[in-house]
Amino acid sequence: MKEINLGLKIKKFRIEKNLNLKELSEMIGSTSALLGQIEKGITNPSINTLKNISLALEIPLYKFFLGEDSKKSSIVRANERKIIKTPKEIGISYELLSPEPQTNIEFMLLTLEQNSKSSDKEIGHEGEEVAFILEGEVNLNLEGEIVTLYKGDSIKIDRLTKHSWENIQSEVAKVIFAITPPKF
């Protein structure tokens, strides 16, 4: 596990906010000598000091603990997506578009081959869902009501609302959706 240098991160964020040591130390109720030692890695900040620095710099606390490769890991390349496929006769697949681990939202691409459906029965889940029809035409079975959605349409599905997706057309349909909290 790679060690995280909090001092360097604090210095980087302080400089980005155009603050000098004295200004930040006054904002957090500390001395510039202590803050200088923290930035040089001579000492580590207490949790309270780090919290005060976070508030003063308006930087969420978790950002101090992200590794250097965190930006890189936020990218999901098309050829590196996780794919959940069903047997060919069922004719659907889900591709995870959001990076892992993702705690608050999940972004997926549902591909429905011709004459396929996501489930034999309508299923509800804890999260809210927003969907956008990228290609084709789909029927959304929404608690017993069938809603036809066309390319470019979008819909919000409330939590616990039972639903399923169906493609009764002769061409492939693609639906992009986001779910919060994640379910896959």
C-alpha atoms as a PDB file:
ATOM      1  CA  MET A   1       0.000   0.000   0.000  1.00  0.00           C
ATOM      2  CA  LYS A   2       1.403   3.373  -1.024  1.00  0.00           C
ATOM      3  CA  GLU A   3       1.903   5.910   1.758  1.00  0.00           C
ATOM      4  CA  ILE A   4       0.044   9.202   1.391  1.00  0.00           C
ATOM      5  CA  ASN A   5       1.943  12.398   2.184  1.00  0.00           C
ATOM      6  CA  LEU A   6      -0.675  14.600   3.867  1.00  0.00           C
ATOM      7  CA  GLY A   7       1.740  17.512   4.177  1.00  0.00           C
ATOM      8  CA  LEU A   8       2.325  17.735   0.437  1.00  0.00           C
ATOM      9  CA  LYS A   9      -1.406  17.503  -0.232  1.00  0.00           C
ATOM     10  CA  ILE A  10      -2.150  20.275   2.274  1.00  0.00           C
ATOM     11  CA  LYS A  11       0.527  22.472   0.695  1.00  0.00           C
ATOM     12  CA  LYS A  12      -0.795  21.787  -2.809  1.00  0.00           C
ATOM     13  CA  PHE A  13      -4.380  22.673  -1.824  1.00  0.00           C
ATOM     14  CA  ARG A  14      -3.210  25.760   0.128  1.00  0.00           C
ATOM     15  CA  ILE A  15      -1.264  27.071  -2.868  1.00  0.00           C
ATOM     16  CA  GLU A  16      -4.247  26.393  -5.163  1.00  0.00           C
ATOM     17  CA  LYS A  17      -6.306  28.664  -2.861  1.00  0.00           C
ATOM     18  CA  ASN A  18      -3.581  31.379  -3.025  1.00  0.00           C
ATOM     19  CA  LEU A  19      -3.001  31.303   0.733  1.00  0.00           C
ATOM     20  CA  ASN A  20       0.324  31.611   2.533  1.00  0.00           C
ATOM     21  CA  LEU A  21       1.212  29.648   5.684  1.00  0.00           C
ATOM     22  CA  LYS A  22       0.325  32.522   8.009  1.00  0.00           C
ATOM     23  CA  GLU A  23      -3.119  33.062   6.440  1.00  0.00           C
ATOM     24  CA  LEU A  24      -4.070  29.383   6.625  1.00  0.00           C
ATOM     25  CA  SER A  25      -2.711  28.981  10.155  1.00  0.00           C
ATOM     26  CA  GLU A  26      -4.855  31.934  11.311  1.00  0.00           C
ATOM     27  CA  MET A  27      -7.910  30.423   9.611  1.00  0.00           C
ATOM     28  CA  ILE A  28      -7.452  27.127  11.475  1.00  0.00           C
ATOM     29  CA  GLY A  29      -6.369  28.597  14.821  1.00  0.00           C
ATOM     30  CA  SER A  30      -2.850  27.187  14.702  1.00  0.00           C
ATOM     31  CA  THR A  31       0.687  28.481  14.294  1.00  0.00           C
ATOM     32  CA  SER A  32       2.443  28.860  10.972  1.00  0.00           C
ATOM     33  CA  ALA A  33       5.399  26.934  12.483  1.00  0.00           C
ATOM     34  CA  LEU A  34       3.205  23.874  13.132  1.00  0.00           C
ATOM     35  CA  LEU A  35       1.586  24.117   9.705  1.00  0.00           C
ATOM     36  CA  GLY A  36       5.053  24.371   8.116  1.00  0.00           C
ATOM     37  CA  GLN A  37       6.154  21.217   9.956  1.00  0.00           C
ATOM     38  CA  ILE A  38       3.025  19.404   8.761  1.00  0.00           C
ATOM     39  CA  GLU A  39       3.631  20.461   5.149  1.00  0.00           C
ATOM     40  CA  LYS A  40       7.285  19.320   5.346  1.00  0.00           C
ATOM     41  CA  GLY A  41       6.243  15.941   6.753  1.00  0.00           C
ATOM     42  CA  ILE A  42       8.058  16.501  10.058  1.00  0.00           C
ATOM     43  CA  THR A  43       4.830  15.964  11.985  1.00  0.00           C
ATOM     44  CA  ASN A  44       1.354  14.728  11.165  1.00  0.00           C
ATOM     45  CA  PRO A  45      -1.793  16.767  11.779  1.00  0.00           C
ATOM     46  CA  SER A  46      -4.296  15.661  14.395  1.00  0.00           C
ATOM     47  CA  ILE A  47      -7.714  14.688  13.101  1.00  0.00           C
ATOM     48  CA  ASN A  48      -9.141  17.973  14.397  1.00  0.00           C
ATOM     49  CA  THR A  49      -6.392  19.986  12.710  1.00  0.00           C
ATOM     50  CA  LEU A  50      -6.945  18.131   9.431  1.00  0.00           C
ATOM     51  CA  LYS A  51     -10.690  18.743   9.730  1.00  0.00           C
ATOM     52  CA  ASN A  52     -10.060  22.466  10.297  1.00  0.00           C
ATOM     53  CA  ILE A  53      -7.708  22.590   7.300  1.00  0.00           C
ATOM     54  CA  SER A  54     -10.344  20.826   5.221  1.00  0.00           C
ATOM     55  CA  LEU A  55     -12.984  23.389   6.219  1.00  0.00           C
ATOM     56  CA  ALA A  56     -10.678  26.376   5.686  1.00  0.00           C
ATOM     57  CA  LEU A  57      -9.580  25.190   2.244  1.00  0.00           C
ATOM     58  CA  GLU A  58     -13.111  24.029   1.340  1.00  0.00           C
ATOM     59  CA  ILE A  59     -11.705  20.637   0.342  1.00  0.00           C
ATOM     60  CA  PRO A  60     -13.609  17.472   1.342  1.00  0.00           C
ATOM     61  CA  LEU A  61     -11.606  15.442   3.868  1.00  0.00           C
ATOM     62  CA  TYR A  62     -11.510  12.342   1.684  1.00  0.00           C
ATOM     63  CA  LYS A  63      -9.479  14.208  -0.981  1.00  0.00           C
ATOM     64  CA  PHE A  64      -6.493  14.290   1.374  1.00  0.00           C
ATOM     65  CA  PHE A  65      -6.422  10.484   1.291  1.00  0.00           C
ATOM     66  CA  LEU A  66      -6.813   9.868  -2.432  1.00  0.00           C
ATOM     67  CA  GLY A  67      -3.809   8.318  -4.105  1.00  0.00           C
ATOM     68  CA  GLU A  68      -2.056  10.043  -6.969  1.00  0.00           C
ATOM     69  CA  ASP A  69      -3.637   7.659  -9.451  1.00  0.00           C
ATOM     70  CA  SER A  70      -7.196   8.465  -8.339  1.00  0.00           C
ATOM     71  CA  LYS A  71      -7.840  10.616 -11.428  1.00  0.00           C
ATOM     72  CA  LYS A  72      -6.625   7.850 -13.677  1.00  0.00           C
ATOM     73  CA  SER A  73      -8.844   5.327 -11.911  1.00  0.00           C
ATOM     74  CA  SER A  74     -11.885   7.511 -12.562  1.00  0.00           C
ATOM     75  CA  ILE A  75     -11.606   6.764 -16.262  1.00  0.00           C
ATOM     76  CA  VAL A  76     -13.382   3.712 -17.650  1.00  0.00           C
ATOM     77  CA  ARG A  77     -12.049   2.898 -21.109  1.00  0.00           C
ATOM     78  CA  ALA A  78     -14.519   1.393 -23.577  1.00  0.00           C
ATOM     79  CA  ASN A  79     -12.436  -1.769 -23.898  1.00  0.00           C
ATOM     80  CA  GLU A  80     -12.075  -2.136 -20.108  1.00  0.00           C
ATOM     81  CA  ARG A  81     -15.738  -2.027 -19.062  1.00  0.00           C
ATOM     82  CA  LYS A  82     -17.125  -4.763 -16.857  1.00  0.00           C
ATOM     83  CA  ILE A  83     -19.857  -6.561 -18.772  1.00  0.00           C
ATOM     84  CA  ILE A  84     -22.641  -8.646 -17.287  1.00  0.00           C
ATOM     85  CA  LYS A  85     -23.965 -10.885 -20.043  1.00  0.00           C
ATOM     86  CA  THR A  86     -26.893 -13.245 -20.008  1.00  0.00           C
ATOM     87  CA  PRO A  87     -27.117 -16.399 -22.113  1.00  0.00           C
ATOM     88  CA  LYS A  88     -27.436 -15.592 -25.834  1.00  0.00           C
ATOM     89  CA  GLU A  89     -31.081 -16.725 -25.960  1.00  0.00           C
ATOM     90  CA  ILE A  90     -32.027 -14.086 -23.369  1.00  0.00           C
ATOM     91  CA  GLY A  91     -30.264 -11.396 -25.402  1.00  0.00           C
ATOM     92  CA  ILE A  92     -29.340  -8.684 -22.900  1.00  0.00           C
ATOM     93  CA  SER A  93     -26.130  -7.313 -21.445  1.00  0.00           C
ATOM     94  CA  TYR A  94     -25.216  -4.659 -18.899  1.00  0.00           C
ATOM     95  CA  GLU A  95     -21.980  -2.677 -19.139  1.00  0.00           C
ATOM     96  CA  LEU A  96     -20.705  -0.819 -16.100  1.00  0.00           C
ATOM     97  CA  LEU A  97     -19.812   2.710 -17.264  1.00  0.00           C
ATOM     98  CA  SER A  98     -18.896   4.135 -13.859  1.00  0.00           C
ATOM     99  CA  PRO A  99     -15.556   3.456 -12.163  1.00  0.00           C
ATOM    100  CA  GLU A 100     -15.216   1.117  -9.218  1.00  0.00           C
ATOM    101  CA  PRO A 101     -15.487   1.436  -6.339  1.00  0.00           C
ATOM    102  CA  GLN A 102     -18.360   3.819  -6.765  1.00  0.00           C
ATOM    103  CA  THR A 103     -20.335   4.450  -3.628  1.00  0.00           C
ATOM    104  CA  ASN A 104     -23.083   6.877  -4.566  1.00  0.00           C
ATOM    105  CA  ILE A 105     -24.130   6.256  -8.142  1.00  0.00           C
ATOM    106  CA  GLU A 106     -23.885   3.575 -10.775  1.00  0.00           C
ATOM    107  CA  PHE A 107     -23.875   4.327 -14.497  1.00  0.00           C
ATOM    108  CA  MET A 108     -24.805   1.449 -16.838  1.00  0.00           C
ATOM    109  CA  LEU A 109     -25.483   0.652 -20.484  1.00  0.00           C
ATOM    110  CA  LEU A 110     -28.226  -1.907 -21.080  1.00  0.00           C
ATOM    111  CA  THR A 111     -28.212  -3.550 -24.513  1.00  0.00           C
ATOM    112  CA  LEU A 112     -31.392  -5.371 -25.493  1.00  0.00           C
ATOM    113  CA  GLU A 113     -31.168  -7.550 -28.588  1.00  0.00           C
ATOM    114  CA  GLN A 114     -34.284  -7.874 -30.750  1.00  0.00           C
ATOM    115  CA  ASN A 115     -37.279  -9.397 -28.957  1.00  0.00           C
ATOM    116  CA  SER A 116     -35.605  -9.532 -25.544  1.00  0.00           C
ATOM    117  CA  LYS A 117     -36.490  -8.346 -22.045  1.00  0.00           C
ATOM    118  CA  SER A 118     -34.545  -7.560 -18.907  1.00  0.00           C
ATOM    119  CA  SER A 119     -36.667  -9.816 -16.713  1.00  0.00           C
ATOM    120  CA  ASP A 120     -39.721 -12.074 -16.856  1.00  0.00           C
ATOM    121  CA  LYS A 121     -41.246 -10.079 -14.022  1.00  0.00           C
ATOM    122  CA  GLU A 122     -41.127  -6.471 -12.939  1.00  0.00           C
ATOM    123  CA  ILE A 123     -38.539  -5.860 -10.227  1.00  0.00           C
ATOM    124  CA  GLY A 124     -38.197  -2.916  -7.847  1.00  0.00           C
ATOM    125  CA  HIS A 125     -35.001  -1.873  -6.111  1.00  0.00           C
ATOM    126  CA  GLU A 126     -33.954   0.525  -3.383  1.00  0.00           C
ATOM    127  CA  GLY A 127     -32.415   3.136  -5.662  1.00  0.00           C
ATOM    128  CA  GLU A 128     -33.780   5.826  -7.895  1.00  0.00           C
ATOM    129  CA  GLU A 129     -33.080   5.342 -11.580  1.00  0.00           C
ATOM    130  CA  VAL A 130     -32.834   7.742 -14.499  1.00  0.00           C
ATOM    131  CA  ALA A 131     -32.714   6.234 -17.986  1.00  0.00           C
ATOM    132  CA  PHE A 132     -32.011   7.611 -21.461  1.00  0.00           C
ATOM    133  CA  ILE A 133     -32.859   5.724 -24.659  1.00  0.00           C
ATOM    134  CA  LEU A 134     -29.680   5.848 -26.718  1.00  0.00           C
ATOM    135  CA  GLU A 135     -30.780   3.626 -29.617  1.00  0.00           C
ATOM    136  CA  GLY A 136     -33.983   1.965 -30.734  1.00  0.00           C
ATOM    137  CA  GLU A 137     -37.368   1.756 -29.082  1.00  0.00           C
ATOM    138  CA  VAL A 138     -38.230   0.007 -25.821  1.00  0.00           C
ATOM    139  CA  ASN A 139     -41.266  -0.812 -23.765  1.00  0.00           C
ATOM    140  CA  LEU A 140     -40.903  -0.050 -20.092  1.00  0.00           C
ATOM    141  CA  ASN A 141     -43.236  -2.202 -18.031  1.00  0.00           C
ATOM    142  CA  LEU A 142     -43.899   0.081 -15.083  1.00  0.00           C
ATOM    143  CA  GLU A 143     -46.018  -1.540 -12.364  1.00  0.00           C
ATOM    144  CA  GLY A 144     -48.370  -3.116 -14.893  1.00  0.00           C
ATOM    145  CA  GLU A 145     -48.459  -0.162 -17.292  1.00  0.00           C
ATOM    146  CA  ILE A 146     -46.523  -0.288 -20.563  1.00  0.00           C
ATOM    147  CA  VAL A 147     -44.775   2.926 -21.581  1.00  0.00           C
ATOM    148  CA  THR A 148     -43.115   3.072 -25.003  1.00  0.00           C
ATOM    149  CA  LEU A 149     -39.896   5.076 -25.082  1.00  0.00           C
ATOM    150  CA  TYR A 150     -38.097   6.174 -28.237  1.00  0.00           C
ATOM    151  CA  LYS A 151     -34.527   7.188 -29.059  1.00  0.00           C
ATOM    152  CA  GLY A 152     -33.750  10.394 -27.152  1.00  0.00           C
ATOM    153  CA  ASP A 153     -36.462   9.922 -24.494  1.00  0.00           C
ATOM    154  CA  SER A 154     -35.592   9.789 -20.812  1.00  0.00           C
ATOM    155  CA  ILE A 155     -37.460   8.750 -17.689  1.00  0.00           C
ATOM    156  CA  LYS A 156     -37.000   8.791 -13.913  1.00  0.00           C
ATOM    157  CA  ILE A 157     -38.084   5.692 -12.019  1.00  0.00           C
ATOM    158  CA  ASP A 158     -38.722   6.185  -8.305  1.00  0.00           C
ATOM    159  CA  ARG A 159     -37.259   3.827  -5.715  1.00  0.00           C
ATOM    160  CA  LEU A 160     -39.048   0.504  -5.203  1.00  0.00           C
ATOM    161  CA  THR A 161     -41.103   1.022  -8.394  1.00  0.00           C
ATOM    162  CA  LYS A 162     -41.387  -2.387 -10.061  1.00  0.00           C
ATOM    163  CA  HIS A 163     -40.301  -2.310 -13.686  1.00  0.00           C
ATOM    164  CA  SER A 164     -38.686  -4.222 -16.547  1.00  0.00           C
ATOM    165  CA  TRP A 165     -37.341  -3.328 -19.980  1.00  0.00           C
ATOM    166  CA  GLU A 166     -38.456  -4.983 -23.218  1.00  0.00           C
ATOM    167  CA  ASN A 167     -37.374  -4.649 -26.838  1.00  0.00           C
ATOM    168  CA  ILE A 168     -40.097  -5.930 -29.163  1.00  0.00           C
ATOM    169  CA  GLN A 169     -38.464  -4.417 -32.245  1.00  0.00           C
ATOM    170  CA  SER A 170     -36.290  -6.162 -34.822  1.00  0.00           C
ATOM    171  CA  GLU A 171     -33.261  -3.961 -34.061  1.00  0.00           C
ATOM    172  CA  VAL A 172     -31.009  -3.602 -31.037  1.00  0.00           C
ATOM    173  CA  ALA A 173     -32.010  -1.096 -28.340  1.00  0.00           C
ATOM    174  CA  LYS A 174     -29.584   0.595 -25.949  1.00  0.00           C
ATOM    175  CA  VAL A 175     -30.509   2.301 -22.699  1.00  0.00           C
ATOM    176  CA  ILE A 176     -28.091   4.297 -20.550  1.00  0.00           C
ATOM    177  CA  PHE A 177     -29.126   4.577 -16.935  1.00  0.00           C
ATOM    178  CA  ALA A 178     -27.881   5.801 -13.597  1.00  0.00           C
ATOM    179  CA  ILE A 179     -28.933   4.268 -10.283  1.00  0.00           C
ATOM    180  CA  THR A 180     -28.399   5.669  -6.823  1.00  0.00           C
ATOM    181  CA  PRO A 181     -27.520   3.922  -4.602  1.00  0.00           C
ATOM    182  CA  PRO A 182     -25.819   1.307  -6.821  1.00  0.00           C
ATOM    183  CA  LYS A 183     -27.426  -2.109  -7.198  1.00  0.00           C
ATOM    184  CA  PHE A 184     -24.996  -4.160  -9.326  1.00  0.00           C
END
